[in-house]
Amino acid sequence: MKDGSVREIWMVEIMLGISLLFGFLPPFIMFLKTRKTNMFYREASRKALNFHLTIFPFFFISYFMPAWYTNFIYVVLVIELFFIGYAMIRIARKKSHTYPIAITYIKKNVI
């Protein structure tokens, strides 16, 4: 992924921060709006969207688990917070980032 400008980096950082609250919607919106125009936004939002789509089933499954197993959702939240925080730090330092547990739903060459 090419280095982004300071404005692009800030926008991606904001998108990732908001995605902690709203899940896959911020990366999805950014991907739809910028997939043909800006490669930096496209790649950052594509990676975040793949990560969120990988994590989402765990939140969905946790609603059907017994009440005594409610700590599962907190484990998933901590994992999500850790990986997104790590990605934010890597982006701020203008280094390549990846989400190790993300399944690639959206490939690089999708236009």
N, C-alpha and C. Protein backbone atom coordinates (compact mmCIF):
# COMPACT_ATOMS: atom_id res chain seq x y z
N MET A 1 0.85 -1.18 0.00
CA MET A 1 0.00 0.00 0.00
C MET A 1 0.89 1.23 0.00
N LYS A 2 0.58 2.17 -0.87
CA LYS A 2 1.38 3.38 -0.96
C LYS A 2 1.14 4.27 0.26
N ASP A 3 2.11 5.11 0.55
CA ASP A 3 1.96 6.03 1.67
C ASP A 3 0.90 7.06 1.35
N GLY A 4 0.09 7.36 2.33
CA GLY A 4 -0.94 8.36 2.16
C GLY A 4 -0.48 9.71 2.67
N SER A 5 -1.21 10.73 2.28
CA SER A 5 -0.92 12.06 2.80
C SER A 5 -1.37 12.13 4.26
N VAL A 6 -1.04 13.21 4.91
CA VAL A 6 -1.42 13.38 6.32
C VAL A 6 -2.94 13.36 6.45
N ARG A 7 -3.63 14.01 5.51
CA ARG A 7 -5.10 14.04 5.54
C ARG A 7 -5.68 12.64 5.36
N GLU A 8 -5.12 11.88 4.43
CA GLU A 8 -5.60 10.51 4.20
C GLU A 8 -5.38 9.63 5.42
N ILE A 9 -4.23 9.79 6.05
CA ILE A 9 -3.94 9.00 7.25
C ILE A 9 -4.93 9.34 8.36
N TRP A 10 -5.20 10.63 8.55
CA TRP A 10 -6.16 11.03 9.58
C TRP A 10 -7.56 10.51 9.29
N MET A 11 -7.96 10.54 8.05
CA MET A 11 -9.30 10.04 7.69
C MET A 11 -9.41 8.54 7.95
N VAL A 12 -8.36 7.79 7.64
CA VAL A 12 -8.38 6.35 7.90
C VAL A 12 -8.37 6.09 9.41
N GLU A 13 -7.60 6.87 10.15
CA GLU A 13 -7.59 6.73 11.61
C GLU A 13 -8.97 6.99 12.21
N ILE A 14 -9.64 8.01 11.73
CA ILE A 14 -10.99 8.33 12.20
C ILE A 14 -11.95 7.21 11.83
N MET A 15 -11.85 6.70 10.61
CA MET A 15 -12.70 5.60 10.18
C MET A 15 -12.50 4.38 11.07
N LEU A 16 -11.26 4.04 11.38
CA LEU A 16 -11.01 2.89 12.24
C LEU A 16 -11.52 3.11 13.66
N GLY A 17 -11.35 4.32 14.17
CA GLY A 17 -11.87 4.63 15.51
C GLY A 17 -13.38 4.52 15.56
N ILE A 18 -14.06 5.03 14.56
CA ILE A 18 -15.52 4.94 14.52
C ILE A 18 -15.96 3.50 14.31
N SER A 19 -15.16 2.72 13.59
CA SER A 19 -15.53 1.33 13.35
C SER A 19 -15.52 0.50 14.64
N LEU A 20 -14.81 0.96 15.66
CA LEU A 20 -14.88 0.28 16.95
C LEU A 20 -16.28 0.37 17.54
N LEU A 21 -16.99 1.46 17.25
CA LEU A 21 -18.34 1.62 17.76
C LEU A 21 -19.40 1.05 16.83
N PHE A 22 -19.24 1.25 15.53
CA PHE A 22 -20.29 0.90 14.58
C PHE A 22 -19.98 -0.32 13.73
N GLY A 23 -18.90 -1.02 14.03
CA GLY A 23 -18.60 -2.26 13.32
C GLY A 23 -18.17 -2.05 11.89
N PHE A 24 -18.77 -2.81 10.99
CA PHE A 24 -18.33 -2.81 9.60
C PHE A 24 -18.87 -1.65 8.78
N LEU A 25 -19.78 -0.84 9.30
CA LEU A 25 -20.38 0.24 8.50
C LEU A 25 -19.39 1.32 8.05
N PRO A 26 -18.54 1.88 8.91
CA PRO A 26 -17.59 2.90 8.43
C PRO A 26 -16.63 2.39 7.35
N PRO A 27 -16.01 1.19 7.51
CA PRO A 27 -15.16 0.73 6.41
C PRO A 27 -15.94 0.43 5.14
N PHE A 28 -17.17 -0.05 5.28
CA PHE A 28 -18.00 -0.35 4.13
C PHE A 28 -18.35 0.92 3.35
N ILE A 29 -18.72 1.97 4.07
CA ILE A 29 -19.05 3.24 3.42
C ILE A 29 -17.81 3.83 2.75
N MET A 30 -16.67 3.81 3.46
CA MET A 30 -15.45 4.35 2.86
C MET A 30 -15.04 3.55 1.63
N PHE A 31 -15.19 2.24 1.69
CA PHE A 31 -14.82 1.42 0.55
C PHE A 31 -15.72 1.72 -0.65
N LEU A 32 -17.01 1.83 -0.42
CA LEU A 32 -17.93 2.11 -1.53
C LEU A 32 -17.67 3.48 -2.16
N LYS A 33 -17.34 4.47 -1.34
CA LYS A 33 -17.14 5.83 -1.86
C LYS A 33 -15.79 6.01 -2.53
N THR A 34 -14.77 5.27 -2.13
CA THR A 34 -13.42 5.56 -2.60
C THR A 34 -12.77 4.43 -3.38
N ARG A 35 -13.49 3.38 -3.68
CA ARG A 35 -12.86 2.21 -4.30
C ARG A 35 -12.32 2.49 -5.69
N LYS A 36 -12.85 3.49 -6.39
CA LYS A 36 -12.38 3.79 -7.75
C LYS A 36 -11.49 5.02 -7.81
N THR A 37 -11.43 5.80 -6.75
CA THR A 37 -10.73 7.08 -6.83
C THR A 37 -9.42 7.12 -6.05
N ASN A 38 -9.38 6.55 -4.85
CA ASN A 38 -8.21 6.72 -3.99
C ASN A 38 -7.73 5.35 -3.52
N MET A 39 -6.55 4.96 -3.94
CA MET A 39 -6.01 3.64 -3.63
C MET A 39 -5.70 3.48 -2.14
N PHE A 40 -5.23 4.53 -1.48
CA PHE A 40 -4.91 4.44 -0.05
C PHE A 40 -6.16 4.17 0.77
N TYR A 41 -7.22 4.95 0.54
CA TYR A 41 -8.49 4.72 1.24
C TYR A 41 -9.04 3.34 0.92
N ARG A 42 -8.97 2.97 -0.35
CA ARG A 42 -9.52 1.70 -0.78
C ARG A 42 -8.87 0.53 -0.07
N GLU A 43 -7.55 0.51 -0.02
CA GLU A 43 -6.85 -0.60 0.62
C GLU A 43 -7.07 -0.63 2.13
N ALA A 44 -7.02 0.52 2.77
CA ALA A 44 -7.23 0.57 4.22
C ALA A 44 -8.65 0.13 4.58
N SER A 45 -9.64 0.62 3.84
CA SER A 45 -11.02 0.25 4.14
C SER A 45 -11.30 -1.20 3.75
N ARG A 46 -10.67 -1.70 2.70
CA ARG A 46 -10.85 -3.09 2.29
C ARG A 46 -10.33 -4.04 3.37
N LYS A 47 -9.15 -3.74 3.89
CA LYS A 47 -8.58 -4.58 4.95
C LYS A 47 -9.43 -4.52 6.21
N ALA A 48 -9.88 -3.33 6.59
CA ALA A 48 -10.72 -3.19 7.79
C ALA A 48 -12.06 -3.89 7.59
N LEU A 49 -12.63 -3.78 6.41
CA LEU A 49 -13.90 -4.43 6.12
C LEU A 49 -13.76 -5.95 6.18
N ASN A 50 -12.71 -6.49 5.61
CA ASN A 50 -12.48 -7.93 5.70
C ASN A 50 -12.34 -8.38 7.16
N PHE A 51 -11.65 -7.59 7.96
CA PHE A 51 -11.49 -7.92 9.38
C PHE A 51 -12.84 -7.91 10.10
N HIS A 52 -13.61 -6.86 9.88
CA HIS A 52 -14.90 -6.75 10.56
C HIS A 52 -15.87 -7.85 10.10
N LEU A 53 -15.83 -8.20 8.85
CA LEU A 53 -16.69 -9.29 8.37
C LEU A 53 -16.25 -10.64 8.92
N THR A 54 -15.00 -10.77 9.29
CA THR A 54 -14.51 -11.99 9.93
C THR A 54 -14.95 -12.04 11.39
N ILE A 55 -14.93 -10.91 12.07
CA ILE A 55 -15.28 -10.84 13.50
C ILE A 55 -16.80 -10.89 13.72
N PHE A 56 -17.58 -10.36 12.79
CA PHE A 56 -19.03 -10.25 12.96
C PHE A 56 -19.72 -11.56 13.34
N PRO A 57 -19.42 -12.68 12.71
CA PRO A 57 -20.10 -13.92 13.11
C PRO A 57 -19.90 -14.30 14.57
N PHE A 58 -18.77 -13.93 15.16
CA PHE A 58 -18.55 -14.23 16.57
C PHE A 58 -19.49 -13.44 17.46
N PHE A 59 -19.77 -12.18 17.09
CA PHE A 59 -20.76 -11.40 17.84
C PHE A 59 -22.15 -12.00 17.66
N PHE A 60 -22.45 -12.40 16.46
CA PHE A 60 -23.76 -12.99 16.17
C PHE A 60 -23.96 -14.29 16.94
N ILE A 61 -22.94 -15.13 16.97
CA ILE A 61 -23.01 -16.41 17.68
C ILE A 61 -23.15 -16.19 19.18
N SER A 62 -22.53 -15.15 19.70
CA SER A 62 -22.55 -14.92 21.15
C SER A 62 -23.95 -14.63 21.67
N TYR A 63 -24.85 -14.15 20.82
CA TYR A 63 -26.22 -13.90 21.26
C TYR A 63 -26.99 -15.19 21.49
N PHE A 64 -26.56 -16.27 20.89
CA PHE A 64 -27.25 -17.55 21.03
C PHE A 64 -26.60 -18.48 22.04
N MET A 65 -25.55 -18.02 22.67
CA MET A 65 -24.86 -18.84 23.67
C MET A 65 -25.59 -18.74 25.00
N PRO A 66 -25.39 -19.72 25.85
CA PRO A 66 -26.02 -19.68 27.18
C PRO A 66 -25.53 -18.49 27.99
N ALA A 67 -26.31 -18.11 28.97
CA ALA A 67 -26.01 -16.93 29.78
C ALA A 67 -24.69 -17.07 30.53
N TRP A 68 -24.32 -18.27 30.91
CA TRP A 68 -23.09 -18.46 31.67
C TRP A 68 -21.85 -18.30 30.81
N TYR A 69 -22.01 -18.19 29.49
CA TYR A 69 -20.89 -18.06 28.58
C TYR A 69 -20.79 -16.65 28.00
N THR A 70 -21.19 -15.65 28.77
CA THR A 70 -21.22 -14.27 28.26
C THR A 70 -19.83 -13.64 28.16
N ASN A 71 -18.83 -14.21 28.76
CA ASN A 71 -17.48 -13.65 28.67
C ASN A 71 -16.90 -13.77 27.27
N PHE A 72 -17.49 -14.61 26.44
CA PHE A 72 -17.02 -14.80 25.07
C PHE A 72 -17.05 -13.48 24.30
N ILE A 73 -18.09 -12.69 24.48
CA ILE A 73 -18.21 -11.42 23.75
C ILE A 73 -17.11 -10.45 24.17
N TYR A 74 -16.71 -10.49 25.43
CA TYR A 74 -15.65 -9.61 25.91
C TYR A 74 -14.30 -10.02 25.33
N VAL A 75 -14.08 -11.30 25.17
CA VAL A 75 -12.84 -11.78 24.56
C VAL A 75 -12.77 -11.29 23.11
N VAL A 76 -13.88 -11.39 22.39
CA VAL A 76 -13.93 -10.94 21.00
C VAL A 76 -13.70 -9.43 20.93
N LEU A 77 -14.27 -8.67 21.84
CA LEU A 77 -14.08 -7.21 21.86
C LEU A 77 -12.62 -6.84 22.12
N VAL A 78 -11.97 -7.54 23.02
CA VAL A 78 -10.57 -7.26 23.32
C VAL A 78 -9.70 -7.58 22.11
N ILE A 79 -9.98 -8.68 21.44
CA ILE A 79 -9.22 -9.03 20.24
C ILE A 79 -9.42 -7.97 19.16
N GLU A 80 -10.67 -7.54 18.97
CA GLU A 80 -10.95 -6.50 17.98
C GLU A 80 -10.25 -5.20 18.32
N LEU A 81 -10.32 -4.79 19.57
CA LEU A 81 -9.67 -3.57 20.01
C LEU A 81 -8.16 -3.64 19.80
N PHE A 82 -7.56 -4.76 20.12
CA PHE A 82 -6.12 -4.93 19.97
C PHE A 82 -5.71 -4.81 18.50
N PHE A 83 -6.38 -5.53 17.60
CA PHE A 83 -5.97 -5.53 16.20
C PHE A 83 -6.24 -4.19 15.52
N ILE A 84 -7.32 -3.53 15.86
CA ILE A 84 -7.59 -2.23 15.26
C ILE A 84 -6.62 -1.19 15.81
N GLY A 85 -6.32 -1.25 17.10
CA GLY A 85 -5.33 -0.34 17.66
C GLY A 85 -3.96 -0.54 17.04
N TYR A 86 -3.58 -1.79 16.82
CA TYR A 86 -2.32 -2.09 16.17
C TYR A 86 -2.29 -1.53 14.74
N ALA A 87 -3.39 -1.70 14.02
CA ALA A 87 -3.46 -1.17 12.65
C ALA A 87 -3.39 0.36 12.66
N MET A 88 -4.02 1.00 13.61
CA MET A 88 -3.98 2.46 13.70
C MET A 88 -2.55 2.95 13.95
N ILE A 89 -1.83 2.28 14.80
CA ILE A 89 -0.44 2.65 15.08
C ILE A 89 0.42 2.46 13.84
N ARG A 90 0.26 1.34 13.16
CA ARG A 90 1.04 1.07 11.94
C ARG A 90 0.75 2.10 10.85
N ILE A 91 -0.52 2.48 10.69
CA ILE A 91 -0.89 3.47 9.68
C ILE A 91 -0.30 4.83 10.05
N ALA A 92 -0.37 5.20 11.33
CA ALA A 92 0.19 6.48 11.76
C ALA A 92 1.69 6.56 11.52
N ARG A 93 2.37 5.43 11.59
CA ARG A 93 3.81 5.39 11.35
C ARG A 93 4.15 5.17 9.87
N LYS A 94 3.12 5.16 9.03
CA LYS A 94 3.27 4.97 7.57
C LYS A 94 3.93 3.64 7.23
N LYS A 95 3.52 2.61 7.95
CA LYS A 95 4.00 1.27 7.69
C LYS A 95 2.85 0.40 7.21
N SER A 96 3.18 -0.66 6.54
CA SER A 96 2.16 -1.58 6.06
C SER A 96 1.51 -2.29 7.25
N HIS A 97 0.24 -2.53 7.16
CA HIS A 97 -0.47 -3.20 8.24
C HIS A 97 -1.32 -4.33 7.67
N THR A 98 -1.63 -5.26 8.53
CA THR A 98 -2.49 -6.37 8.16
C THR A 98 -3.22 -6.86 9.40
N TYR A 99 -4.35 -7.48 9.18
CA TYR A 99 -5.12 -8.07 10.26
C TYR A 99 -4.91 -9.59 10.17
N PRO A 100 -4.17 -10.18 11.11
CA PRO A 100 -3.77 -11.59 10.97
C PRO A 100 -4.93 -12.58 10.90
N ILE A 101 -6.05 -12.30 11.53
CA ILE A 101 -7.12 -13.28 11.56
C ILE A 101 -8.23 -12.96 10.55
N ALA A 102 -7.99 -12.03 9.66
CA ALA A 102 -9.04 -11.65 8.70
C ALA A 102 -9.08 -12.61 7.52
N ILE A 103 -10.30 -12.99 7.17
CA ILE A 103 -10.54 -13.77 5.97
C ILE A 103 -10.72 -12.79 4.82
N THR A 104 -10.13 -13.08 3.68
CA THR A 104 -10.20 -12.17 2.55
C THR A 104 -11.50 -12.37 1.79
N TYR A 105 -12.50 -11.58 2.14
CA TYR A 105 -13.78 -11.60 1.43
C TYR A 105 -13.71 -10.72 0.18
N ILE A 106 -13.07 -9.57 0.34
CA ILE A 106 -12.93 -8.62 -0.76
C ILE A 106 -11.47 -8.64 -1.19
N LYS A 107 -11.23 -9.03 -2.39
CA LYS A 107 -9.86 -9.16 -2.90
C LYS A 107 -9.33 -7.81 -3.37
N LYS A 108 -8.02 -7.73 -3.58
CA LYS A 108 -7.38 -6.47 -3.97
C LYS A 108 -7.86 -5.91 -5.29
N ASN A 109 -8.09 -6.75 -6.27
CA ASN A 109 -8.40 -6.27 -7.60
C ASN A 109 -9.88 -6.03 -7.87
N VAL A 110 -10.71 -5.96 -6.86
CA VAL A 110 -12.14 -5.66 -7.04
C VAL A 110 -12.30 -4.19 -7.34
N ILE A 111 -13.04 -3.85 -8.39
CA ILE A 111 -13.22 -2.43 -8.74
C ILE A 111 -14.63 -2.01 -8.48
